[in-house]
Amino acid sequence: NVYRTGTYLLDPYAALAYGALQDYRATVGEGRTTLILADRSPICSAATVSKAIGISVQDLKERLSKA
């Protein structure tokens, strides 16, 4: 969802953190600004990330090299 709406690509662990934040916000109704720190690049999990967004690993690597 982050990639589709904001064209920002998260690694799987940051995506889990973001999903948990969204679930928390939906349950509690809180919307304060939040910082999620990620220490991995999406390229570290290239196969998983490329499958999740529907592109090849090669396309993913090319897109990330341009960023």
N, C-alpha and C. Protein backbone atom coordinates (compact mmCIF):
# COMPACT_ATOMS: atom_id res chain seq x y z
N ASN A 1 0.82 -1.20 0.00
CA ASN A 1 0.00 0.00 0.00
C ASN A 1 0.87 1.26 0.00
N VAL A 2 1.94 1.27 0.77
CA VAL A 2 2.83 2.42 0.81
C VAL A 2 3.43 2.66 -0.58
N TYR A 3 3.82 1.60 -1.24
CA TYR A 3 4.42 1.73 -2.57
C TYR A 3 3.40 2.25 -3.58
N ARG A 4 2.17 1.71 -3.52
CA ARG A 4 1.15 2.13 -4.47
C ARG A 4 0.68 3.56 -4.26
N THR A 5 0.59 3.99 -3.01
CA THR A 5 0.06 5.33 -2.74
C THR A 5 1.13 6.40 -2.64
N GLY A 6 2.34 6.02 -2.27
CA GLY A 6 3.37 7.03 -2.07
C GLY A 6 4.65 6.78 -2.82
N THR A 7 4.69 5.70 -3.58
CA THR A 7 5.87 5.27 -4.34
C THR A 7 7.12 5.17 -3.48
N TYR A 8 6.94 4.86 -2.20
CA TYR A 8 8.06 4.61 -1.30
C TYR A 8 8.10 3.11 -1.04
N LEU A 9 9.27 2.52 -1.12
CA LEU A 9 9.41 1.08 -0.99
C LEU A 9 10.03 0.71 0.36
N LEU A 10 9.29 -0.08 1.13
CA LEU A 10 9.76 -0.54 2.44
C LEU A 10 10.33 -1.94 2.32
N ASP A 11 11.29 -2.27 3.20
CA ASP A 11 11.73 -3.65 3.28
C ASP A 11 10.66 -4.42 4.06
N PRO A 12 10.65 -5.76 4.02
CA PRO A 12 9.58 -6.53 4.68
C PRO A 12 9.43 -6.23 6.17
N TYR A 13 10.51 -6.01 6.88
CA TYR A 13 10.42 -5.76 8.32
C TYR A 13 9.81 -4.38 8.61
N ALA A 14 10.19 -3.39 7.85
CA ALA A 14 9.59 -2.06 8.00
C ALA A 14 8.12 -2.10 7.60
N ALA A 15 7.80 -2.92 6.60
CA ALA A 15 6.40 -3.06 6.18
C ALA A 15 5.56 -3.69 7.30
N LEU A 16 6.13 -4.65 8.01
CA LEU A 16 5.43 -5.24 9.15
C LEU A 16 5.20 -4.20 10.24
N ALA A 17 6.20 -3.39 10.51
CA ALA A 17 6.07 -2.33 11.51
C ALA A 17 4.99 -1.33 11.09
N TYR A 18 4.98 -0.98 9.82
CA TYR A 18 3.98 -0.04 9.31
C TYR A 18 2.57 -0.64 9.41
N GLY A 19 2.46 -1.92 9.05
CA GLY A 19 1.16 -2.59 9.16
C GLY A 19 0.66 -2.64 10.59
N ALA A 20 1.56 -2.92 11.53
CA ALA A 20 1.18 -2.94 12.94
C ALA A 20 0.74 -1.55 13.39
N LEU A 21 1.44 -0.53 12.93
CA LEU A 21 1.05 0.84 13.27
C LEU A 21 -0.35 1.15 12.73
N GLN A 22 -0.61 0.75 11.51
CA GLN A 22 -1.93 1.00 10.93
C GLN A 22 -3.02 0.26 11.70
N ASP A 23 -2.75 -0.98 12.10
CA ASP A 23 -3.72 -1.74 12.90
C ASP A 23 -3.96 -1.06 14.24
N TYR A 24 -2.88 -0.60 14.87
CA TYR A 24 -3.00 0.10 16.15
C TYR A 24 -3.84 1.37 16.00
N ARG A 25 -3.53 2.13 14.96
CA ARG A 25 -4.29 3.37 14.74
C ARG A 25 -5.77 3.09 14.49
N ALA A 26 -6.07 2.04 13.76
CA ALA A 26 -7.46 1.69 13.48
C ALA A 26 -8.19 1.26 14.75
N THR A 27 -7.49 0.59 15.64
CA THR A 27 -8.09 0.13 16.89
C THR A 27 -8.27 1.25 17.90
N VAL A 28 -7.24 2.07 18.06
CA VAL A 28 -7.23 3.10 19.09
C VAL A 28 -7.77 4.43 18.59
N GLY A 29 -7.65 4.67 17.31
CA GLY A 29 -8.12 5.93 16.75
C GLY A 29 -7.12 7.06 16.91
N GLU A 30 -5.89 6.72 17.08
CA GLU A 30 -4.85 7.73 17.27
C GLU A 30 -4.15 8.00 15.94
N GLY A 31 -3.79 9.24 15.69
CA GLY A 31 -3.15 9.58 14.43
C GLY A 31 -1.92 10.44 14.55
N ARG A 32 -1.25 10.36 15.70
CA ARG A 32 -0.04 11.18 15.87
C ARG A 32 1.03 10.80 14.85
N THR A 33 1.89 11.75 14.55
CA THR A 33 3.03 11.50 13.67
C THR A 33 3.91 10.43 14.31
N THR A 34 4.34 9.49 13.49
CA THR A 34 5.13 8.37 13.99
C THR A 34 6.35 8.18 13.10
N LEU A 35 7.44 7.80 13.70
CA LEU A 35 8.68 7.54 12.98
C LEU A 35 8.97 6.04 13.04
N ILE A 36 9.13 5.43 11.87
CA ILE A 36 9.53 4.02 11.79
C ILE A 36 10.95 4.00 11.24
N LEU A 37 11.85 3.42 12.00
CA LEU A 37 13.24 3.32 11.57
C LEU A 37 13.48 1.96 10.95
N ALA A 38 14.07 1.96 9.78
CA ALA A 38 14.39 0.71 9.09
C ALA A 38 15.89 0.67 8.84
N ASP A 39 16.49 -0.48 9.10
CA ASP A 39 17.94 -0.57 8.91
C ASP A 39 18.33 -1.47 7.75
N ARG A 40 17.35 -1.84 6.95
CA ARG A 40 17.63 -2.69 5.79
C ARG A 40 17.06 -2.04 4.54
N SER A 41 17.73 -2.28 3.46
CA SER A 41 17.24 -1.83 2.16
C SER A 41 16.30 -2.89 1.60
N PRO A 42 15.32 -2.49 0.81
CA PRO A 42 14.45 -3.48 0.17
C PRO A 42 15.23 -4.47 -0.70
N ILE A 43 16.41 -4.09 -1.15
CA ILE A 43 17.19 -4.98 -2.00
C ILE A 43 17.70 -6.19 -1.22
N CYS A 44 17.79 -6.08 0.10
CA CYS A 44 18.23 -7.22 0.93
C CYS A 44 17.24 -8.38 0.86
N SER A 45 16.01 -8.09 0.58
CA SER A 45 14.96 -9.11 0.43
C SER A 45 14.34 -8.97 -0.95
N ALA A 46 15.18 -8.89 -1.96
CA ALA A 46 14.74 -8.58 -3.32
C ALA A 46 13.65 -9.52 -3.83
N ALA A 47 13.77 -10.81 -3.61
CA ALA A 47 12.77 -11.76 -4.11
C ALA A 47 11.41 -11.51 -3.49
N THR A 48 11.39 -11.29 -2.18
CA THR A 48 10.13 -11.05 -1.47
C THR A 48 9.51 -9.72 -1.89
N VAL A 49 10.32 -8.68 -1.95
CA VAL A 49 9.82 -7.36 -2.31
C VAL A 49 9.32 -7.33 -3.75
N SER A 50 10.08 -7.90 -4.66
CA SER A 50 9.66 -7.87 -6.06
C SER A 50 8.36 -8.64 -6.26
N LYS A 51 8.20 -9.75 -5.56
CA LYS A 51 6.95 -10.51 -5.65
C LYS A 51 5.78 -9.70 -5.09
N ALA A 52 6.01 -9.01 -3.99
CA ALA A 52 4.95 -8.23 -3.34
C ALA A 52 4.44 -7.09 -4.21
N ILE A 53 5.34 -6.47 -4.99
CA ILE A 53 4.90 -5.34 -5.81
C ILE A 53 4.70 -5.72 -7.28
N GLY A 54 4.96 -6.99 -7.60
CA GLY A 54 4.63 -7.48 -8.94
C GLY A 54 5.61 -7.10 -10.04
N ILE A 55 6.90 -7.04 -9.72
CA ILE A 55 7.90 -6.78 -10.74
C ILE A 55 9.03 -7.81 -10.60
N SER A 56 9.88 -7.89 -11.58
CA SER A 56 10.99 -8.84 -11.51
C SER A 56 12.07 -8.30 -10.58
N VAL A 57 12.91 -9.20 -10.11
CA VAL A 57 14.03 -8.81 -9.26
C VAL A 57 14.95 -7.84 -10.01
N GLN A 58 15.17 -8.11 -11.29
CA GLN A 58 16.02 -7.23 -12.10
C GLN A 58 15.43 -5.82 -12.18
N ASP A 59 14.11 -5.72 -12.43
CA ASP A 59 13.45 -4.41 -12.47
C ASP A 59 13.57 -3.70 -11.12
N LEU A 60 13.42 -4.44 -10.03
CA LEU A 60 13.56 -3.86 -8.71
C LEU A 60 14.95 -3.28 -8.51
N LYS A 61 15.96 -4.05 -8.87
CA LYS A 61 17.33 -3.57 -8.72
C LYS A 61 17.59 -2.33 -9.56
N GLU A 62 17.03 -2.30 -10.77
CA GLU A 62 17.20 -1.13 -11.63
C GLU A 62 16.52 0.10 -11.02
N ARG A 63 15.31 -0.08 -10.52
CA ARG A 63 14.57 1.05 -9.93
C ARG A 63 15.29 1.59 -8.69
N LEU A 64 15.82 0.68 -7.87
CA LEU A 64 16.51 1.12 -6.66
C LEU A 64 17.84 1.77 -6.98
N SER A 65 18.48 1.37 -8.05
CA SER A 65 19.76 1.98 -8.41
C SER A 65 19.57 3.42 -8.90
N LYS A 66 18.37 3.73 -9.38
CA LYS A 66 18.07 5.10 -9.85
C LYS A 66 17.65 6.02 -8.73
N ALA A 67 17.27 5.43 -7.61
CA ALA A 67 16.76 6.24 -6.49
C ALA A 67 17.86 6.94 -5.75
